[in-house]
Structure formats: structure tokens, C-alpha cells
Amino acid sequence: MSLELESVLIVLTVIGTIMLAVFWVKKRRKRSKGHPSRRISGASSPLPFDIPAPVAEGMSAAEMLSRLQLLRDRNAQWDVILSELNPTDDPEVQRLLTEIRGPHMFVPHVGISVIEDACKQVLSASPRANALDALRQALRGQDPFVR
């Protein structure tokens, strides 16, 4: 095979791989946005009757809110925040906290405020909301210009 033909095949392979990766990421994001477990419990479309949301294992949003207030008082940094808000090392909680930390890496008090606001929002929608509900709401509620 000639050197030019090899170069063309390599370029086409790289472009195809990039296109496949972009398609996969978009499909995964689209799928996770509409997934029912990604919604805030109690914030669904109105029903003729009220179905109580199941309480997930782990920390409640109310407990998270009280921990956040203590962390704010202690002027906690991210390592302490992460360990206090995820004492059971739940991988999903860890992923969400890491995403929230990203734009607020050097200003942890702002990250605490984002999570506090989200806790208050999900608790107003459902007093049975859990920490995952609050963290997902925090990601949705972050300033879009920060991302």
C-alpha cells in the first residue's frame, strides 16, 4: 500500500472514531435527561391522586441541608465537603458532587450555596426528597455561564 493511501485511511479512521464518540455522548445525555429516576421526586406531572415518592436509602435532602449549614459555618474546603456529604461513598453522589465542584473548585462556599438552594427547592416540592434529588437539582440550577 502506498504511503498516501495509508495516510488517508488513518485520517478517515480518526474522523470516524471522533464521530462515533460524539454520537455516543449525545445519545447518552439525551437518554439520561428523560429517565424517570433523574427527575425530582414529587415534581412530576399532576396526577388525579398523589403517589408518595419512595424514600431512597441514604441521606435525605433535609439532613444534607443541615450538614451544609454546618460546613458553611466551619468554612469547609472541598475535601471535607465531599466526605461529609457522602459518608457512605455512594458512587452516584460522588459523581454529582464532583460535577458541582468543577466550576466552584476555588470557591467552595459558592458550591455550598448552590447545593443549599437545591435542597430547599426539592424539599419544597417534596419533604421526602433525598440527597440525590438535591444534587441533581443543583446541577440543573447552576448558572449556565459557569459551565
Protein backbone atom coordinates (compact mmCIF):
# COMPACT_ATOMS: atom_id res chain seq x y z
CA MET A 1 0.00 0.00 0.00
CA SER A 2 1.26 3.45 -0.76
CA LEU A 3 2.09 5.96 1.93
CA GLU A 4 -0.64 8.37 0.70
CA LEU A 5 -3.31 5.68 0.87
CA GLU A 6 -2.22 4.71 4.39
CA SER A 7 -2.41 8.35 5.49
CA VAL A 8 -5.91 8.73 4.06
CA LEU A 9 -7.08 5.57 5.82
CA ILE A 10 -5.64 6.74 9.14
CA VAL A 11 -7.34 10.14 8.82
CA LEU A 12 -10.68 8.52 7.95
CA THR A 13 -10.36 6.14 10.90
CA VAL A 14 -9.66 9.01 13.30
CA ILE A 15 -12.59 11.06 11.96
CA GLY A 16 -14.91 8.06 12.19
CA THR A 17 -13.85 7.38 15.77
CA ILE A 18 -14.46 11.01 16.76
CA MET A 19 -17.89 11.00 15.10
CA LEU A 20 -18.82 7.78 16.90
CA ALA A 21 -17.71 9.19 20.25
CA VAL A 22 -19.74 12.39 19.74
CA PHE A 23 -22.82 10.38 18.73
CA TRP A 24 -22.46 8.12 21.79
CA VAL A 25 -22.10 11.07 24.21
CA LYS A 26 -25.13 12.87 22.73
CA LYS A 27 -27.23 9.71 22.85
CA ARG A 28 -26.23 9.06 26.46
CA ARG A 29 -27.05 12.64 27.53
CA LYS A 30 -30.39 12.54 25.74
CA ARG A 31 -31.27 9.22 27.37
CA SER A 32 -30.33 10.38 30.90
CA LYS A 33 -32.35 13.63 30.65
CA GLY A 34 -35.62 11.81 30.08
CA HIS A 35 -35.01 8.97 32.52
CA PRO A 36 -37.61 8.95 35.33
CA SER A 37 -35.02 8.34 38.03
CA ARG A 38 -33.33 11.61 37.05
CA ARG A 39 -36.40 13.69 37.93
CA ILE A 40 -37.04 15.30 41.28
CA SER A 41 -39.42 13.17 43.29
CA GLY A 42 -42.73 14.94 43.75
CA ALA A 43 -42.14 17.27 40.79
CA SER A 44 -43.82 15.15 38.15
CA SER A 45 -46.86 15.97 36.06
CA PRO A 46 -50.07 16.42 38.04
CA LEU A 47 -51.99 13.22 38.72
CA PRO A 48 -55.57 12.80 39.87
CA PHE A 49 -54.17 11.23 43.06
CA ASP A 50 -50.96 11.65 44.99
CA ILE A 51 -48.43 8.81 44.86
CA PRO A 52 -45.87 9.12 47.64
CA ALA A 53 -42.32 9.03 46.39
CA PRO A 54 -40.27 6.18 47.84
CA VAL A 55 -37.57 7.27 50.23
CA ALA A 56 -34.27 6.16 48.81
CA GLU A 57 -31.61 4.75 51.03
CA GLY A 58 -29.03 7.28 52.02
CA MET A 59 -29.14 10.83 53.20
CA SER A 60 -32.30 12.91 52.98
CA ALA A 61 -32.24 16.39 51.49
CA ALA A 62 -33.15 17.80 54.92
CA GLU A 63 -30.15 16.08 56.52
CA MET A 64 -27.93 17.30 53.70
CA LEU A 65 -29.19 20.85 54.22
CA SER A 66 -28.32 20.76 57.93
CA ARG A 67 -24.84 19.38 57.14
CA LEU A 68 -24.32 22.12 54.56
CA GLN A 69 -25.11 24.80 57.13
CA LEU A 70 -22.51 23.31 59.50
CA LEU A 71 -19.97 23.12 56.67
CA ARG A 72 -20.60 26.78 55.82
CA ASP A 73 -20.07 27.75 59.48
CA ARG A 74 -16.76 25.84 59.52
CA ASN A 75 -15.66 27.43 56.21
CA ALA A 76 -15.05 23.88 54.95
CA GLN A 77 -12.95 23.08 51.90
CA TRP A 78 -13.92 20.55 49.22
CA ASP A 79 -12.23 17.53 50.78
CA VAL A 80 -14.30 17.95 53.95
CA ILE A 81 -17.45 18.82 51.98
CA LEU A 82 -17.16 15.69 49.86
CA SER A 83 -16.62 13.40 52.85
CA GLU A 84 -19.43 14.95 54.92
CA LEU A 85 -22.00 14.88 52.11
CA ASN A 86 -21.11 11.36 51.00
CA PRO A 87 -20.29 9.38 54.15
CA THR A 88 -21.23 6.05 52.51
CA ASP A 89 -19.06 6.65 49.41
CA ASP A 90 -22.04 6.31 47.07
CA PRO A 91 -20.61 6.48 43.51
CA GLU A 92 -23.56 8.47 42.10
CA VAL A 93 -23.41 11.02 44.92
CA GLN A 94 -19.65 11.27 44.39
CA ARG A 95 -20.09 11.84 40.64
CA LEU A 96 -22.68 14.58 41.17
CA LEU A 97 -20.62 16.31 43.86
CA THR A 98 -17.57 16.23 41.61
CA GLU A 99 -19.56 17.82 38.79
CA ILE A 100 -20.81 20.55 41.11
CA ARG A 101 -17.32 21.12 42.48
CA GLY A 102 -15.87 21.69 38.99
CA PRO A 103 -16.83 25.33 38.39
CA HIS A 104 -16.56 26.14 42.11
CA MET A 105 -13.21 24.47 42.79
CA PHE A 106 -11.63 27.57 44.31
CA VAL A 107 -14.78 28.96 45.94
CA PRO A 108 -16.27 26.11 47.98
CA HIS A 109 -18.71 28.44 49.74
CA VAL A 110 -20.38 29.11 46.38
CA GLY A 111 -20.69 25.37 45.77
CA ILE A 112 -22.26 25.01 49.20
CA SER A 113 -24.75 27.76 48.30
CA VAL A 114 -25.68 26.02 45.04
CA ILE A 115 -26.38 22.75 46.88
CA GLU A 116 -28.25 24.55 49.70
CA ASP A 117 -30.56 26.27 47.22
CA ALA A 118 -31.23 22.96 45.51
CA CYS A 119 -32.00 21.26 48.85
CA LYS A 120 -34.54 23.97 49.64
CA GLN A 121 -36.13 23.63 46.19
CA VAL A 122 -36.53 19.86 46.32
CA LEU A 123 -37.76 19.97 49.92
CA SER A 124 -40.44 22.48 48.93
CA ALA A 125 -41.54 20.07 46.20
CA SER A 126 -41.41 17.02 48.48
CA PRO A 127 -40.41 16.77 52.14
CA ARG A 128 -39.30 13.19 51.39
CA ALA A 129 -36.68 14.27 48.82
CA ASN A 130 -33.27 12.68 49.15
CA ALA A 131 -29.70 13.86 48.64
CA LEU A 132 -29.60 12.60 45.05
CA ASP A 133 -32.67 14.69 44.20
CA ALA A 134 -30.97 17.74 45.67
CA LEU A 135 -27.67 17.16 43.88
CA ARG A 136 -29.38 16.64 40.53
CA GLN A 137 -31.34 19.85 41.07
CA ALA A 138 -28.09 21.64 41.97
CA LEU A 139 -26.58 20.61 38.65
CA ARG A 140 -29.65 21.80 36.77
CA GLY A 141 -29.74 25.05 38.71
CA GLN A 142 -26.10 26.10 38.33
CA ASP A 143 -25.51 29.29 36.42
CA PRO A 144 -25.32 28.21 32.75
CA PHE A 145 -22.48 30.66 32.14
CA VAL A 146 -20.34 28.93 34.76
CA ARG A 147 -20.30 25.68 32.80
